[in-house]
């Protein structure tokens, strides 16, 4: 499993951070001391969003047009308490729209994103990753499918959700070697698979299991081994957020490391699994 960034990704992240810091206003305070984690008096709250089709990590709150619930929201609540700044986790539309809201700075944070170079252009990553998730191949249960490594996917037609990522390495391979349709939602992709309109679907393991059961497709489609990737879920902050300062990023890094080390993040995942199982039909 990949619990952090690879060496070359770390170097790119460091270079990018240096570039972004040069554009930021200098922090007040004496040299060698960290300024307050609050970037300015005007930054009294933060907003966060994420993939709303991502149980047990995130999903749309039943009966709410704006709220998200799940493990990642629980982690944001713990982060908010320790940071001393309210963090509202909101639904902003499908995953592609959520990323756009952060890119333009209308939302401050993404509560769970894989590391990719395109995303690094518009948001800063907070290390360490707070959870890790496996992305897998989904196929029709009674149809033979020869797969043991990425190259085996080349003869087949696949599908996934638009703007979804499976890590930098796989994304680069898929863009030049695989035929994958991008659709607006996971239910749409799974129904296409069940109807034989595509040969496979790529999606994360836990969310895929959750939606397969909800759609009554858990006996029609199945995941197969090995996973195509295992990637860390990172908190990110928009480079256009008025709250994005060196001091805040340093404090977010410190708190996130503690949330991972003391087991808060993993307990949140367990709670998210339980909540989803209880809320599902």
C-alpha atoms as a PDB file:
ATOM      1  CA  UNK A   1       0.000   0.000   0.000  1.00  0.00           C
ATOM      2  CA  UNK A   2       1.051   3.554  -0.661  1.00  0.00           C
ATOM      3  CA  UNK A   3       0.749   5.425   2.596  1.00  0.00           C
ATOM      4  CA  UNK A   4       2.514   8.601   1.396  1.00  0.00           C
ATOM      5  CA  UNK A   5       3.998  10.184  -1.663  1.00  0.00           C
ATOM      6  CA  UNK A   6       6.756   8.562  -3.672  1.00  0.00           C
ATOM      7  CA  UNK A   7      10.173  10.212  -3.649  1.00  0.00           C
ATOM      8  CA  UNK A   8       9.719  12.046  -6.936  1.00  0.00           C
ATOM      9  CA  UNK A   9       6.251  13.227  -5.928  1.00  0.00           C
ATOM     10  CA  UNK A  10       7.676  14.582  -2.671  1.00  0.00           C
ATOM     11  CA  UNK A  11      10.281  16.556  -4.607  1.00  0.00           C
ATOM     12  CA  UNK A  12       7.636  17.991  -6.915  1.00  0.00           C
ATOM     13  CA  UNK A  13       5.462  18.868  -3.934  1.00  0.00           C
ATOM     14  CA  UNK A  14       8.386  20.622  -2.242  1.00  0.00           C
ATOM     15  CA  UNK A  15       9.232  22.652  -5.341  1.00  0.00           C
ATOM     16  CA  UNK A  16       5.585  23.551  -5.840  1.00  0.00           C
ATOM     17  CA  UNK A  17       5.231  24.622  -2.213  1.00  0.00           C
ATOM     18  CA  UNK A  18       8.240  26.916  -2.536  1.00  0.00           C
ATOM     19  CA  UNK A  19       6.727  28.504  -5.635  1.00  0.00           C
ATOM     20  CA  UNK A  20       3.346  28.988  -3.978  1.00  0.00           C
ATOM     21  CA  UNK A  21       4.876  30.437  -0.829  1.00  0.00           C
ATOM     22  CA  UNK A  22       6.656  33.090  -2.866  1.00  0.00           C
ATOM     23  CA  UNK A  23       3.276  34.368  -3.988  1.00  0.00           C
ATOM     24  CA  UNK A  24       1.828  34.517  -0.489  1.00  0.00           C
ATOM     25  CA  UNK A  25       1.925  37.502   1.805  1.00  0.00           C
ATOM     26  CA  UNK A  26       4.668  37.217   4.439  1.00  0.00           C
ATOM     27  CA  UNK A  27       3.447  36.075   7.835  1.00  0.00           C
ATOM     28  CA  UNK A  28       3.690  38.383  10.812  1.00  0.00           C
ATOM     29  CA  UNK A  29       5.887  37.427  13.724  1.00  0.00           C
ATOM     30  CA  UNK A  30       9.538  37.112  14.631  1.00  0.00           C
ATOM     31  CA  UNK A  31      11.938  35.015  12.520  1.00  0.00           C
ATOM     32  CA  UNK A  32      12.074  31.408  13.655  1.00  0.00           C
ATOM     33  CA  UNK A  33       8.625  31.478  15.273  1.00  0.00           C
ATOM     34  CA  UNK A  34       5.361  30.337  13.740  1.00  0.00           C
ATOM     35  CA  UNK A  35       2.608  32.907  13.470  1.00  0.00           C
ATOM     36  CA  UNK A  36      -0.924  32.154  14.565  1.00  0.00           C
ATOM     37  CA  UNK A  37      -2.589  29.328  12.648  1.00  0.00           C
ATOM     38  CA  UNK A  38      -5.437  31.724  11.835  1.00  0.00           C
ATOM     39  CA  UNK A  39      -4.300  33.409   8.574  1.00  0.00           C
ATOM     40  CA  UNK A  40      -6.173  36.648   9.171  1.00  0.00           C
ATOM     41  CA  UNK A  41      -9.007  38.085  11.181  1.00  0.00           C
ATOM     42  CA  UNK A  42     -11.288  37.574   8.162  1.00  0.00           C
ATOM     43  CA  UNK A  43     -10.592  33.812   8.056  1.00  0.00           C
ATOM     44  CA  UNK A  44     -12.909  32.653  10.806  1.00  0.00           C
ATOM     45  CA  UNK A  45     -14.228  29.510   9.095  1.00  0.00           C
ATOM     46  CA  UNK A  46     -13.305  26.993   6.420  1.00  0.00           C
ATOM     47  CA  UNK A  47     -15.428  25.069   3.947  1.00  0.00           C
ATOM     48  CA  UNK A  48     -14.652  21.568   2.722  1.00  0.00           C
ATOM     49  CA  UNK A  49     -16.152  19.324   0.073  1.00  0.00           C
ATOM     50  CA  UNK A  50     -15.373  16.003  -1.580  1.00  0.00           C
ATOM     51  CA  UNK A  51     -16.657  13.098  -3.625  1.00  0.00           C
ATOM     52  CA  UNK A  52     -20.332  12.578  -2.661  1.00  0.00           C
ATOM     53  CA  UNK A  53     -20.389   9.026  -4.059  1.00  0.00           C
ATOM     54  CA  UNK A  54     -17.705   7.721  -1.760  1.00  0.00           C
ATOM     55  CA  UNK A  55     -19.131   5.734   1.177  1.00  0.00           C
ATOM     56  CA  UNK A  56     -17.918   5.043   3.802  1.00  0.00           C
ATOM     57  CA  UNK A  57     -15.619   8.059   3.322  1.00  0.00           C
ATOM     58  CA  UNK A  58     -18.215  10.602   2.155  1.00  0.00           C
ATOM     59  CA  UNK A  59     -21.769  10.585   0.882  1.00  0.00           C
ATOM     60  CA  UNK A  60     -24.685  12.992   0.697  1.00  0.00           C
ATOM     61  CA  UNK A  61     -26.549  13.345   3.965  1.00  0.00           C
ATOM     62  CA  UNK A  62     -30.073  11.872   3.674  1.00  0.00           C
ATOM     63  CA  UNK A  63     -32.687  14.596   3.557  1.00  0.00           C
ATOM     64  CA  UNK A  64     -30.107  17.324   3.032  1.00  0.00           C
ATOM     65  CA  UNK A  65     -29.317  19.168  -0.187  1.00  0.00           C
ATOM     66  CA  UNK A  66     -26.091  20.627   1.199  1.00  0.00           C
ATOM     67  CA  UNK A  67     -24.533  18.252   3.726  1.00  0.00           C
ATOM     68  CA  UNK A  68     -22.070  15.375   3.458  1.00  0.00           C
ATOM     69  CA  UNK A  69     -21.476  12.673   6.059  1.00  0.00           C
ATOM     70  CA  UNK A  70     -19.025   9.810   6.492  1.00  0.00           C
ATOM     71  CA  UNK A  71     -15.553   9.032   7.782  1.00  0.00           C
ATOM     72  CA  UNK A  72     -13.913  12.032   6.131  1.00  0.00           C
ATOM     73  CA  UNK A  73     -16.435  14.426   7.672  1.00  0.00           C
ATOM     74  CA  UNK A  74     -15.727  12.917  11.097  1.00  0.00           C
ATOM     75  CA  UNK A  75     -12.027  13.549  10.515  1.00  0.00           C
ATOM     76  CA  UNK A  76     -12.768  17.145   9.484  1.00  0.00           C
ATOM     77  CA  UNK A  77     -14.733  17.602  12.717  1.00  0.00           C
ATOM     78  CA  UNK A  78     -11.775  16.371  14.764  1.00  0.00           C
ATOM     79  CA  UNK A  79      -9.451  18.605  12.756  1.00  0.00           C
ATOM     80  CA  UNK A  80     -11.729  21.595  13.306  1.00  0.00           C
ATOM     81  CA  UNK A  81     -11.857  21.038  17.064  1.00  0.00           C
ATOM     82  CA  UNK A  82      -8.077  20.912  17.378  1.00  0.00           C
ATOM     83  CA  UNK A  83      -7.542  23.781  14.947  1.00  0.00           C
ATOM     84  CA  UNK A  84     -10.033  26.053  16.641  1.00  0.00           C
ATOM     85  CA  UNK A  85     -11.662  27.096  13.336  1.00  0.00           C
ATOM     86  CA  UNK A  86     -15.097  25.824  12.219  1.00  0.00           C
ATOM     87  CA  UNK A  87     -14.975  23.575   9.142  1.00  0.00           C
ATOM     88  CA  UNK A  88     -18.258  23.085   7.280  1.00  0.00           C
ATOM     89  CA  UNK A  89     -18.339  20.005   5.032  1.00  0.00           C
ATOM     90  CA  UNK A  90     -20.729  20.743   2.170  1.00  0.00           C
ATOM     91  CA  UNK A  91     -22.170  19.043  -0.884  1.00  0.00           C
ATOM     92  CA  UNK A  92     -21.256  20.962  -4.045  1.00  0.00           C
ATOM     93  CA  UNK A  93     -22.385  18.491  -6.695  1.00  0.00           C
ATOM     94  CA  UNK A  94     -20.645  15.537  -8.358  1.00  0.00           C
ATOM     95  CA  UNK A  95     -16.944  14.887  -7.850  1.00  0.00           C
ATOM     96  CA  UNK A  96     -15.927  16.837 -10.948  1.00  0.00           C
ATOM     97  CA  UNK A  97     -17.853  19.883  -9.693  1.00  0.00           C
ATOM     98  CA  UNK A  98     -16.401  19.577  -6.197  1.00  0.00           C
ATOM     99  CA  UNK A  99     -12.884  19.749  -7.625  1.00  0.00           C
ATOM    100  CA  UNK A 100     -13.806  22.790  -9.702  1.00  0.00           C
ATOM    101  CA  UNK A 101     -15.192  24.612  -6.647  1.00  0.00           C
ATOM    102  CA  UNK A 102     -11.842  24.158  -4.900  1.00  0.00           C
ATOM    103  CA  UNK A 103      -9.838  25.033  -8.012  1.00  0.00           C
ATOM    104  CA  UNK A 104     -11.482  28.444  -8.295  1.00  0.00           C
ATOM    105  CA  UNK A 105     -11.387  29.059  -4.540  1.00  0.00           C
ATOM    106  CA  UNK A 106     -15.112  29.061  -3.754  1.00  0.00           C
ATOM    107  CA  UNK A 107     -14.439  26.158  -1.352  1.00  0.00           C
ATOM    108  CA  UNK A 108     -11.282  25.999   0.764  1.00  0.00           C
ATOM    109  CA  UNK A 109     -10.619  22.287   1.269  1.00  0.00           C
ATOM    110  CA  UNK A 110     -11.073  18.858  -0.290  1.00  0.00           C
ATOM    111  CA  UNK A 111     -11.660  16.264   2.408  1.00  0.00           C
ATOM    112  CA  UNK A 112      -9.918  13.393   0.671  1.00  0.00           C
ATOM    113  CA  UNK A 113      -8.074  13.438  -2.665  1.00  0.00           C
ATOM    114  CA  UNK A 114      -5.412  11.306  -4.297  1.00  0.00           C
ATOM    115  CA  UNK A 115      -2.158  12.977  -5.288  1.00  0.00           C
ATOM    116  CA  UNK A 116      -1.904  13.898  -8.979  1.00  0.00           C
ATOM    117  CA  UNK A 117       0.187  16.472 -10.818  1.00  0.00           C
ATOM    118  CA  UNK A 118      -2.803  18.268 -12.409  1.00  0.00           C
ATOM    119  CA  UNK A 119      -4.389  18.764  -8.993  1.00  0.00           C
ATOM    120  CA  UNK A 120      -1.117  20.030  -7.567  1.00  0.00           C
ATOM    121  CA  UNK A 121      -1.415  22.999  -9.921  1.00  0.00           C
ATOM    122  CA  UNK A 122      -4.376  24.445  -8.006  1.00  0.00           C
ATOM    123  CA  UNK A 123      -4.201  23.078  -4.468  1.00  0.00           C
ATOM    124  CA  UNK A 124      -1.657  22.272  -1.765  1.00  0.00           C
ATOM    125  CA  UNK A 125      -1.508  18.821  -0.189  1.00  0.00           C
ATOM    126  CA  UNK A 126      -1.364  18.356   3.574  1.00  0.00           C
ATOM    127  CA  UNK A 127       0.735  15.392   4.668  1.00  0.00           C
ATOM    128  CA  UNK A 128       0.387  12.723   5.870  1.00  0.00           C
ATOM    129  CA  UNK A 129      -2.456  10.972   4.075  1.00  0.00           C
ATOM    130  CA  UNK A 130      -5.165  10.343   6.651  1.00  0.00           C
ATOM    131  CA  UNK A 131      -6.466   7.091   5.132  1.00  0.00           C
ATOM    132  CA  UNK A 132      -5.557   4.716   2.300  1.00  0.00           C
ATOM    133  CA  UNK A 133      -7.983   3.233  -0.202  1.00  0.00           C
ATOM    134  CA  UNK A 134      -7.668   0.511  -2.829  1.00  0.00           C
ATOM    135  CA  UNK A 135      -8.960   1.028  -6.359  1.00  0.00           C
ATOM    136  CA  UNK A 136     -10.100  -2.143  -8.102  1.00  0.00           C
ATOM    137  CA  UNK A 137     -11.449  -3.591 -11.334  1.00  0.00           C
ATOM    138  CA  UNK A 138     -15.174  -4.431 -11.347  1.00  0.00           C
ATOM    139  CA  UNK A 139     -16.523  -6.982 -13.843  1.00  0.00           C
ATOM    140  CA  UNK A 140     -19.708  -8.963 -14.521  1.00  0.00           C
ATOM    141  CA  UNK A 141     -19.815 -11.945 -12.197  1.00  0.00           C
ATOM    142  CA  UNK A 142     -20.430 -14.708 -14.742  1.00  0.00           C
ATOM    143  CA  UNK A 143     -18.225 -13.341 -17.514  1.00  0.00           C
ATOM    144  CA  UNK A 144     -14.613 -14.461 -17.880  1.00  0.00           C
ATOM    145  CA  UNK A 145     -12.125 -11.617 -17.556  1.00  0.00           C
ATOM    146  CA  UNK A 146      -8.391 -12.227 -17.859  1.00  0.00           C
ATOM    147  CA  UNK A 147      -6.714  -9.718 -15.551  1.00  0.00           C
ATOM    148  CA  UNK A 148      -3.599  -9.807 -13.395  1.00  0.00           C
ATOM    149  CA  UNK A 149      -1.820  -6.545 -14.341  1.00  0.00           C
ATOM    150  CA  UNK A 150      -2.562  -3.224 -16.028  1.00  0.00           C
ATOM    151  CA  UNK A 151      -1.627  -4.373 -19.528  1.00  0.00           C
ATOM    152  CA  UNK A 152      -4.377  -7.016 -19.395  1.00  0.00           C
ATOM    153  CA  UNK A 153      -6.988  -4.238 -19.537  1.00  0.00           C
ATOM    154  CA  UNK A 154      -5.935  -3.091 -23.011  1.00  0.00           C
ATOM    155  CA  UNK A 155      -8.297  -5.307 -25.075  1.00  0.00           C
ATOM    156  CA  UNK A 156     -11.337  -4.260 -23.033  1.00  0.00           C
ATOM    157  CA  UNK A 157     -13.655  -1.245 -22.863  1.00  0.00           C
ATOM    158  CA  UNK A 158     -13.861   0.305 -19.420  1.00  0.00           C
ATOM    159  CA  UNK A 159     -15.684   3.076 -17.574  1.00  0.00           C
ATOM    160  CA  UNK A 160     -15.185   5.256 -14.531  1.00  0.00           C
ATOM    161  CA  UNK A 161     -16.488   8.514 -13.065  1.00  0.00           C
ATOM    162  CA  UNK A 162     -15.389  11.734 -14.746  1.00  0.00           C
ATOM    163  CA  UNK A 163     -12.324  13.427 -13.183  1.00  0.00           C
ATOM    164  CA  UNK A 164     -11.686  10.430 -10.933  1.00  0.00           C
ATOM    165  CA  UNK A 165      -8.057   9.519 -10.287  1.00  0.00           C
ATOM    166  CA  UNK A 166      -6.365   6.271  -9.378  1.00  0.00           C
ATOM    167  CA  UNK A 167      -2.971   7.753  -8.614  1.00  0.00           C
ATOM    168  CA  UNK A 168      -0.436   9.497 -10.830  1.00  0.00           C
ATOM    169  CA  UNK A 169       1.209   6.324 -12.152  1.00  0.00           C
ATOM    170  CA  UNK A 170      -1.974   4.570 -13.218  1.00  0.00           C
ATOM    171  CA  UNK A 171      -3.517   7.767 -14.606  1.00  0.00           C
ATOM    172  CA  UNK A 172      -0.523   8.270 -16.885  1.00  0.00           C
ATOM    173  CA  UNK A 173      -0.629   4.646 -18.053  1.00  0.00           C
ATOM    174  CA  UNK A 174      -4.390   4.702 -18.665  1.00  0.00           C
ATOM    175  CA  UNK A 175      -4.320   7.946 -20.666  1.00  0.00           C
ATOM    176  CA  UNK A 176      -2.142   6.413 -23.374  1.00  0.00           C
ATOM    177  CA  UNK A 177      -2.915   2.700 -23.181  1.00  0.00           C
ATOM    178  CA  UNK A 178      -6.522   2.089 -22.128  1.00  0.00           C
ATOM    179  CA  UNK A 179      -9.984   2.826 -23.490  1.00  0.00           C
ATOM    180  CA  UNK A 180     -12.049   4.179 -20.591  1.00  0.00           C
ATOM    181  CA  UNK A 181     -15.339   6.086 -20.851  1.00  0.00           C
ATOM    182  CA  UNK A 182     -15.914   8.850 -18.296  1.00  0.00           C
ATOM    183  CA  UNK A 183     -19.480   9.024 -16.967  1.00  0.00           C
ATOM    184  CA  UNK A 184     -21.173  11.342 -14.510  1.00  0.00           C
ATOM    185  CA  UNK A 185     -21.852   8.913 -11.651  1.00  0.00           C
ATOM    186  CA  UNK A 186     -20.903   5.535 -10.240  1.00  0.00           C
ATOM    187  CA  UNK A 187     -24.473   4.145 -10.481  1.00  0.00           C
ATOM    188  CA  UNK A 188     -24.404   4.969 -14.197  1.00  0.00           C
ATOM    189  CA  UNK A 189     -21.061   3.178 -14.631  1.00  0.00           C
ATOM    190  CA  UNK A 190     -22.236   0.098 -12.712  1.00  0.00           C
ATOM    191  CA  UNK A 191     -25.476  -0.107 -14.701  1.00  0.00           C
ATOM    192  CA  UNK A 192     -23.478   0.100 -17.929  1.00  0.00           C
ATOM    193  CA  UNK A 193     -21.372  -2.792 -16.696  1.00  0.00           C
ATOM    194  CA  UNK A 194     -24.370  -4.866 -15.640  1.00  0.00           C
ATOM    195  CA  UNK A 195     -25.963  -4.312 -19.088  1.00  0.00           C
ATOM    196  CA  UNK A 196     -22.785  -5.347 -20.906  1.00  0.00           C
ATOM    197  CA  UNK A 197     -22.188  -1.899 -22.414  1.00  0.00           C
ATOM    198  CA  UNK A 198     -18.644  -1.909 -20.985  1.00  0.00           C
ATOM    199  CA  UNK A 199     -16.373  -4.754 -19.940  1.00  0.00           C
ATOM    200  CA  UNK A 200     -15.183  -3.325 -16.631  1.00  0.00           C
ATOM    201  CA  UNK A 201     -15.469  -0.378 -14.276  1.00  0.00           C
ATOM    202  CA  UNK A 202     -12.650   1.168 -12.266  1.00  0.00           C
ATOM    203  CA  UNK A 203     -13.526   2.492  -8.827  1.00  0.00           C
ATOM    204  CA  UNK A 204     -12.446   2.361  -5.198  1.00  0.00           C
ATOM    205  CA  UNK A 205     -13.164  -0.811  -3.252  1.00  0.00           C
ATOM    206  CA  UNK A 206     -15.339   0.293  -0.320  1.00  0.00           C
ATOM    207  CA  UNK A 207     -17.488   2.796  -2.240  1.00  0.00           C
ATOM    208  CA  UNK A 208     -17.930   0.242  -5.003  1.00  0.00           C
ATOM    209  CA  UNK A 209     -19.122  -2.425  -2.571  1.00  0.00           C
ATOM    210  CA  UNK A 210     -21.530   0.034  -0.990  1.00  0.00           C
ATOM    211  CA  UNK A 211     -23.103   1.109  -4.279  1.00  0.00           C
ATOM    212  CA  UNK A 212     -23.224  -2.405  -5.723  1.00  0.00           C
ATOM    213  CA  UNK A 213     -25.328  -3.439  -2.723  1.00  0.00           C
ATOM    214  CA  UNK A 214     -27.535  -0.335  -2.876  1.00  0.00           C
ATOM    215  CA  UNK A 215     -28.220  -0.903  -6.587  1.00  0.00           C
ATOM    216  CA  UNK A 216     -28.935  -4.627  -6.014  1.00  0.00           C
ATOM    217  CA  UNK A 217     -26.022  -5.466  -8.282  1.00  0.00           C
ATOM    218  CA  UNK A 218     -23.809  -7.219  -5.739  1.00  0.00           C
ATOM    219  CA  UNK A 219     -24.617 -10.606  -7.324  1.00  0.00           C
ATOM    220  CA  UNK A 220     -24.298  -9.242 -10.860  1.00  0.00           C
ATOM    221  CA  UNK A 221     -20.922  -7.518 -10.643  1.00  0.00           C
ATOM    222  CA  UNK A 222     -17.830  -8.231  -8.575  1.00  0.00           C
ATOM    223  CA  UNK A 223     -14.377  -6.877  -7.855  1.00  0.00           C
ATOM    224  CA  UNK A 224     -11.279  -8.830  -8.830  1.00  0.00           C
ATOM    225  CA  UNK A 225      -7.706  -8.918  -7.590  1.00  0.00           C
ATOM    226  CA  UNK A 226      -5.153  -7.422  -7.673  1.00  0.00           C
ATOM    227  CA  UNK A 227      -6.100  -3.773  -7.133  1.00  0.00           C
ATOM    228  CA  UNK A 228      -4.930  -1.349  -9.787  1.00  0.00           C
ATOM    229  CA  UNK A 229      -3.601   0.952  -7.055  1.00  0.00           C
ATOM    230  CA  UNK A 230      -3.641   1.714  -3.341  1.00  0.00           C
ATOM    231  CA  UNK A 231      -3.448   5.449  -2.725  1.00  0.00           C
ATOM    232  CA  UNK A 232      -3.464   7.797   0.213  1.00  0.00           C
ATOM    233  CA  UNK A 233      -6.368  10.162   0.809  1.00  0.00           C
ATOM    234  CA  UNK A 234      -5.039  13.651   1.511  1.00  0.00           C
ATOM    235  CA  UNK A 235      -6.547  16.831   2.844  1.00  0.00           C
ATOM    236  CA  UNK A 236      -5.937  19.604   0.303  1.00  0.00           C
ATOM    237  CA  UNK A 237      -6.348  23.379   0.401  1.00  0.00           C
ATOM    238  CA  UNK A 238      -7.114  25.586  -2.580  1.00  0.00           C
ATOM    239  CA  UNK A 239      -4.328  27.916  -3.653  1.00  0.00           C
ATOM    240  CA  UNK A 240      -7.015  30.541  -4.187  1.00  0.00           C
ATOM    241  CA  UNK A 241      -8.394  30.186  -0.676  1.00  0.00           C
ATOM    242  CA  UNK A 242      -7.884  33.425   1.305  1.00  0.00           C
ATOM    243  CA  UNK A 243      -7.103  31.212   4.304  1.00  0.00           C
ATOM    244  CA  UNK A 244      -4.159  29.455   2.602  1.00  0.00           C
ATOM    245  CA  UNK A 245      -1.070  30.625   4.455  1.00  0.00           C
ATOM    246  CA  UNK A 246       2.203  28.990   5.448  1.00  0.00           C
ATOM    247  CA  UNK A 247       1.175  29.112   9.099  1.00  0.00           C
ATOM    248  CA  UNK A 248      -2.173  27.422   8.506  1.00  0.00           C
ATOM    249  CA  UNK A 249      -0.629  24.684   6.359  1.00  0.00           C
ATOM    250  CA  UNK A 250       1.955  23.997   9.046  1.00  0.00           C
ATOM    251  CA  UNK A 251      -0.751  23.711  11.695  1.00  0.00           C
ATOM    252  CA  UNK A 252      -2.905  21.466   9.489  1.00  0.00           C
ATOM    253  CA  UNK A 253       0.117  19.210   8.923  1.00  0.00           C
ATOM    254  CA  UNK A 254       0.810  18.975  12.657  1.00  0.00           C
ATOM    255  CA  UNK A 255      -2.785  18.176  13.551  1.00  0.00           C
ATOM    256  CA  UNK A 256      -3.265  15.676  10.724  1.00  0.00           C
ATOM    257  CA  UNK A 257      -0.161  13.772  11.803  1.00  0.00           C
ATOM    258  CA  UNK A 258      -1.633  13.537  15.295  1.00  0.00           C
ATOM    259  CA  UNK A 259      -5.029  12.401  14.023  1.00  0.00           C
ATOM    260  CA  UNK A 260      -3.364   9.560  12.152  1.00  0.00           C
ATOM    261  CA  UNK A 261      -0.961   8.633  14.960  1.00  0.00           C
ATOM    262  CA  UNK A 262      -3.587   8.512  17.728  1.00  0.00           C
ATOM    263  CA  UNK A 263      -5.989   6.354  15.695  1.00  0.00           C
ATOM    264  CA  UNK A 264      -8.677   9.014  15.207  1.00  0.00           C
ATOM    265  CA  UNK A 265      -8.659   8.630  11.411  1.00  0.00           C
ATOM    266  CA  UNK A 266      -8.936   4.849  11.492  1.00  0.00           C
ATOM    267  CA  UNK A 267     -11.749   4.970  14.054  1.00  0.00           C
ATOM    268  CA  UNK A 268     -13.568   7.406  11.800  1.00  0.00           C
ATOM    269  CA  UNK A 269     -13.380   4.869   8.975  1.00  0.00           C
ATOM    270  CA  UNK A 270     -14.853   2.161  11.209  1.00  0.00           C
ATOM    271  CA  UNK A 271     -17.664   4.528  12.222  1.00  0.00           C
ATOM    272  CA  UNK A 272     -18.279   5.433   8.583  1.00  0.00           C
ATOM    273  CA  UNK A 273     -18.625   1.772   7.624  1.00  0.00           C
ATOM    274  CA  UNK A 274     -21.103   1.214  10.451  1.00  0.00           C
ATOM    275  CA  UNK A 275     -23.139   4.338   9.622  1.00  0.00           C
ATOM    276  CA  UNK A 276     -23.379   3.423   5.952  1.00  0.00           C
ATOM    277  CA  UNK A 277     -24.390  -0.176   6.682  1.00  0.00           C
ATOM    278  CA  UNK A 278     -27.125   1.017   9.037  1.00  0.00           C
ATOM    279  CA  UNK A 279     -28.456   3.606   6.599  1.00  0.00           C
ATOM    280  CA  UNK A 280     -28.478   1.337   3.551  1.00  0.00           C
ATOM    281  CA  UNK A 281     -31.670  -0.536   2.636  1.00  0.00           C
END
